[in-house]
Every structure is written in structure tokens, then in C-alpha cells.
């Protein structure tokens, strides 16, 4: 019984570590992504000749695709994990297991959909 408790505590610590990493990613990289896609391109604040789609600067190469994947996946994990923790603290503690299952399902589906989307871009030649 003591070994099981130790394994559960280790998994819990790893998940909280990923949560904090997702928070750091959301705090530092998400504003950069929002600035580039929502402010810089529409208002011509970023030097771009207009020959291609403006999102090509981010999605035109593998490093940009990795930036998008890390930013969105980390922010998704952090947001869902925080929302799940908030719901259990509000008073839904008896539904904790169900909330965890739904939260991890949403995270998994979101990351798989993002990976599929970026892989499709890569296979179509958008990402070189």
C-alpha cells in the first residue's frame, strides 16, 4: 500500500510540473503569438512584402510550427487543469474523478487535433 501512494504522489507531482510549465508558456509565448497574428500583421507593424499569406512567417518553417504547438498545447493543458482545480474547489469535489477524466480527454483531443492540423500543413507543403 505504501508503494502505491508513492507512485500516485509522483504522478501528481509530474502533472503539477507540466501545469506550471504550461502556465509559463501561456504567460510568455501566448502574448507573442497574439501580437504577431492579431496586431502586427493587420496593422502592417511587421515588415512583410505581402507575396504570401501573412501567417507564413510563423507557419512557414518547422520552428514556427513547433512554436505554435508548444504554445497552444501548453496553454491548453494549463487552462484545463486550472479550470478543473477551480471546479473542485468550488464544491464539486465529489465529481473530481469525472472532471479529471473529462479534462484529460479534452487535453488529449486538443493536442491530437493540433498535431493533425500541423502535420497536414507539413504534408501539404505549407511548412517546409
C-alpha atoms as a PDB file:
ATOM      1  CA  UNK A   1       0.000   0.000   0.000  1.00  0.00           C
ATOM      2  CA  UNK A   2       2.847   2.356   0.752  1.00  0.00           C
ATOM      3  CA  UNK A   3       4.333   1.807  -2.721  1.00  0.00           C
ATOM      4  CA  UNK A   4       1.036   2.738  -4.440  1.00  0.00           C
ATOM      5  CA  UNK A   5       0.803   6.003  -2.502  1.00  0.00           C
ATOM      6  CA  UNK A   6       4.357   6.882  -3.518  1.00  0.00           C
ATOM      7  CA  UNK A   7       3.599   6.217  -7.217  1.00  0.00           C
ATOM      8  CA  UNK A   8       0.426   8.293  -7.092  1.00  0.00           C
ATOM      9  CA  UNK A   9       2.277  11.156  -5.424  1.00  0.00           C
ATOM     10  CA  UNK A  10       4.976  11.005  -8.111  1.00  0.00           C
ATOM     11  CA  UNK A  11       2.399  11.179 -10.929  1.00  0.00           C
ATOM     12  CA  UNK A  12       0.655  14.056  -9.184  1.00  0.00           C
ATOM     13  CA  UNK A  13       3.953  15.935  -8.913  1.00  0.00           C
ATOM     14  CA  UNK A  14       4.693  15.362 -12.613  1.00  0.00           C
ATOM     15  CA  UNK A  15       1.242  16.665 -13.606  1.00  0.00           C
ATOM     16  CA  UNK A  16       1.691  19.774 -11.451  1.00  0.00           C
ATOM     17  CA  UNK A  17       5.099  20.301 -13.057  1.00  0.00           C
ATOM     18  CA  UNK A  18       3.533  20.169 -16.523  1.00  0.00           C
ATOM     19  CA  UNK A  19       0.830  22.534 -15.262  1.00  0.00           C
ATOM     20  CA  UNK A  20       3.422  25.091 -14.145  1.00  0.00           C
ATOM     21  CA  UNK A  21       5.317  24.730 -17.426  1.00  0.00           C
ATOM     22  CA  UNK A  22       2.068  25.346 -19.307  1.00  0.00           C
ATOM     23  CA  UNK A  23       1.495  28.458 -17.198  1.00  0.00           C
ATOM     24  CA  UNK A  24       4.943  29.770 -18.045  1.00  0.00           C
ATOM     25  CA  UNK A  25       4.350  29.075 -21.734  1.00  0.00           C
ATOM     26  CA  UNK A  26       0.969  30.781 -21.605  1.00  0.00           C
ATOM     27  CA  UNK A  27       2.482  33.801 -19.860  1.00  0.00           C
ATOM     28  CA  UNK A  28       5.474  34.272 -22.154  1.00  0.00           C
ATOM     29  CA  UNK A  29       4.695  32.798 -25.572  1.00  0.00           C
ATOM     30  CA  UNK A  30       0.949  33.321 -25.979  1.00  0.00           C
ATOM     31  CA  UNK A  31       1.225  37.155 -25.943  1.00  0.00           C
ATOM     32  CA  UNK A  32       3.911  36.939 -28.645  1.00  0.00           C
ATOM     33  CA  UNK A  33       1.680  34.735 -30.789  1.00  0.00           C
ATOM     34  CA  UNK A  34      -1.286  37.053 -30.275  1.00  0.00           C
ATOM     35  CA  UNK A  35       0.808  40.119 -31.097  1.00  0.00           C
ATOM     36  CA  UNK A  36       2.129  38.616 -34.309  1.00  0.00           C
ATOM     37  CA  UNK A  37      -1.190  37.273 -35.593  1.00  0.00           C
ATOM     38  CA  UNK A  38      -3.687  39.828 -34.271  1.00  0.00           C
ATOM     39  CA  UNK A  39      -1.806  43.144 -34.143  1.00  0.00           C
ATOM     40  CA  UNK A  40       1.407  43.133 -36.175  1.00  0.00           C
ATOM     41  CA  UNK A  41       0.071  41.637 -39.418  1.00  0.00           C
ATOM     42  CA  UNK A  42      -3.245  43.504 -39.707  1.00  0.00           C
ATOM     43  CA  UNK A  43      -1.677  46.893 -38.919  1.00  0.00           C
ATOM     44  CA  UNK A  44       1.482  46.350 -41.022  1.00  0.00           C
ATOM     45  CA  UNK A  45       3.759  46.683 -37.994  1.00  0.00           C
ATOM     46  CA  UNK A  46       5.855  43.713 -39.126  1.00  0.00           C
ATOM     47  CA  UNK A  47       7.897  44.048 -42.322  1.00  0.00           C
ATOM     48  CA  UNK A  48       6.231  41.749 -44.825  1.00  0.00           C
ATOM     49  CA  UNK A  49       6.118  42.079 -48.612  1.00  0.00           C
ATOM     50  CA  UNK A  50       2.633  40.580 -49.000  1.00  0.00           C
ATOM     51  CA  UNK A  51       3.573  37.954 -51.590  1.00  0.00           C
ATOM     52  CA  UNK A  52       2.283  35.167 -49.334  1.00  0.00           C
ATOM     53  CA  UNK A  53      -0.194  34.744 -46.551  1.00  0.00           C
ATOM     54  CA  UNK A  54       0.956  36.799 -43.525  1.00  0.00           C
ATOM     55  CA  UNK A  55       0.881  33.750 -41.285  1.00  0.00           C
ATOM     56  CA  UNK A  56       3.733  32.305 -43.359  1.00  0.00           C
ATOM     57  CA  UNK A  57       6.280  33.989 -41.075  1.00  0.00           C
ATOM     58  CA  UNK A  58       5.113  31.780 -38.216  1.00  0.00           C
ATOM     59  CA  UNK A  59       3.940  28.679 -40.036  1.00  0.00           C
ATOM     60  CA  UNK A  60       6.369  28.682 -42.938  1.00  0.00           C
ATOM     61  CA  UNK A  61       9.029  26.565 -41.248  1.00  0.00           C
ATOM     62  CA  UNK A  62       9.343  23.797 -38.668  1.00  0.00           C
ATOM     63  CA  UNK A  63      10.499  26.082 -35.864  1.00  0.00           C
ATOM     64  CA  UNK A  64       7.353  28.174 -36.253  1.00  0.00           C
ATOM     65  CA  UNK A  65       5.198  25.057 -36.227  1.00  0.00           C
ATOM     66  CA  UNK A  66       6.962  23.905 -33.067  1.00  0.00           C
ATOM     67  CA  UNK A  67       6.347  27.361 -31.539  1.00  0.00           C
ATOM     68  CA  UNK A  68       2.630  27.084 -32.320  1.00  0.00           C
ATOM     69  CA  UNK A  69       2.412  23.520 -30.997  1.00  0.00           C
ATOM     70  CA  UNK A  70       4.208  24.282 -27.721  1.00  0.00           C
ATOM     71  CA  UNK A  71       2.257  27.498 -27.176  1.00  0.00           C
ATOM     72  CA  UNK A  72      -1.203  26.090 -27.826  1.00  0.00           C
ATOM     73  CA  UNK A  73      -0.649  22.669 -26.201  1.00  0.00           C
ATOM     74  CA  UNK A  74       0.939  24.182 -23.084  1.00  0.00           C
ATOM     75  CA  UNK A  75      -1.783  26.800 -22.750  1.00  0.00           C
ATOM     76  CA  UNK A  76      -4.490  24.171 -23.274  1.00  0.00           C
ATOM     77  CA  UNK A  77      -3.070  21.891 -20.585  1.00  0.00           C
ATOM     78  CA  UNK A  78      -2.636  24.776 -18.147  1.00  0.00           C
ATOM     79  CA  UNK A  79      -6.114  26.186 -18.754  1.00  0.00           C
ATOM     80  CA  UNK A  80      -7.990  22.897 -18.479  1.00  0.00           C
ATOM     81  CA  UNK A  81      -6.011  21.833 -15.406  1.00  0.00           C
ATOM     82  CA  UNK A  82      -6.684  25.191 -13.698  1.00  0.00           C
ATOM     83  CA  UNK A  83     -10.388  25.070 -14.603  1.00  0.00           C
ATOM     84  CA  UNK A  84     -10.629  21.515 -13.272  1.00  0.00           C
ATOM     85  CA  UNK A  85      -8.954  22.548  -9.993  1.00  0.00           C
ATOM     86  CA  UNK A  86     -11.257  25.556  -9.681  1.00  0.00           C
ATOM     87  CA  UNK A  87     -14.371  23.405 -10.146  1.00  0.00           C
ATOM     88  CA  UNK A  88     -13.290  21.015  -7.411  1.00  0.00           C
ATOM     89  CA  UNK A  89     -12.601  23.916  -5.045  1.00  0.00           C
ATOM     90  CA  UNK A  90     -15.998  25.469  -5.758  1.00  0.00           C
ATOM     91  CA  UNK A  91     -17.738  22.422  -4.332  1.00  0.00           C
ATOM     92  CA  UNK A  92     -17.714  19.731  -6.974  1.00  0.00           C
ATOM     93  CA  UNK A  93     -15.185  17.625  -5.074  1.00  0.00           C
ATOM     94  CA  UNK A  94     -17.392  14.535  -5.286  1.00  0.00           C
ATOM     95  CA  UNK A  95     -17.156  14.734  -9.098  1.00  0.00           C
ATOM     96  CA  UNK A  96     -13.374  15.084  -9.070  1.00  0.00           C
ATOM     97  CA  UNK A  97     -12.661  11.820 -10.900  1.00  0.00           C
ATOM     98  CA  UNK A  98     -15.197  12.607 -13.630  1.00  0.00           C
ATOM     99  CA  UNK A  99     -13.840  16.144 -14.004  1.00  0.00           C
ATOM    100  CA  UNK A 100     -10.303  14.771 -14.305  1.00  0.00           C
ATOM    101  CA  UNK A 101     -11.385  12.272 -16.952  1.00  0.00           C
ATOM    102  CA  UNK A 102     -13.219  14.920 -18.983  1.00  0.00           C
ATOM    103  CA  UNK A 103     -10.340  17.380 -18.597  1.00  0.00           C
ATOM    104  CA  UNK A 104      -7.688  14.931 -19.720  1.00  0.00           C
ATOM    105  CA  UNK A 105      -9.928  13.833 -22.596  1.00  0.00           C
ATOM    106  CA  UNK A 106     -10.251  17.453 -23.769  1.00  0.00           C
ATOM    107  CA  UNK A 107      -6.485  17.950 -23.454  1.00  0.00           C
ATOM    108  CA  UNK A 108      -5.763  14.754 -25.398  1.00  0.00           C
ATOM    109  CA  UNK A 109      -8.240  15.529 -28.176  1.00  0.00           C
ATOM    110  CA  UNK A 110      -6.976  19.109 -28.437  1.00  0.00           C
ATOM    111  CA  UNK A 111      -3.326  18.091 -28.682  1.00  0.00           C
ATOM    112  CA  UNK A 112      -4.103  15.336 -31.209  1.00  0.00           C
ATOM    113  CA  UNK A 113      -6.174  17.754 -33.322  1.00  0.00           C
ATOM    114  CA  UNK A 114      -3.396  20.356 -33.193  1.00  0.00           C
ATOM    115  CA  UNK A 115      -0.776  17.771 -34.179  1.00  0.00           C
ATOM    116  CA  UNK A 116      -3.003  16.578 -37.035  1.00  0.00           C
ATOM    117  CA  UNK A 117      -3.543  20.150 -38.219  1.00  0.00           C
ATOM    118  CA  UNK A 118       0.187  20.939 -38.193  1.00  0.00           C
ATOM    119  CA  UNK A 119       1.038  17.584 -39.836  1.00  0.00           C
ATOM    120  CA  UNK A 120      -1.473  18.350 -42.591  1.00  0.00           C
ATOM    121  CA  UNK A 121       0.193  21.725 -43.125  1.00  0.00           C
ATOM    122  CA  UNK A 122       3.559  19.986 -43.328  1.00  0.00           C
ATOM    123  CA  UNK A 123       2.368  17.347 -45.788  1.00  0.00           C
ATOM    124  CA  UNK A 124       0.659  19.949 -47.995  1.00  0.00           C
ATOM    125  CA  UNK A 125       3.890  21.928 -48.222  1.00  0.00           C
ATOM    126  CA  UNK A 126       2.789  24.942 -46.173  1.00  0.00           C
ATOM    127  CA  UNK A 127       5.524  24.169 -43.648  1.00  0.00           C
ATOM    128  CA  UNK A 128       8.871  23.495 -45.253  1.00  0.00           C
END
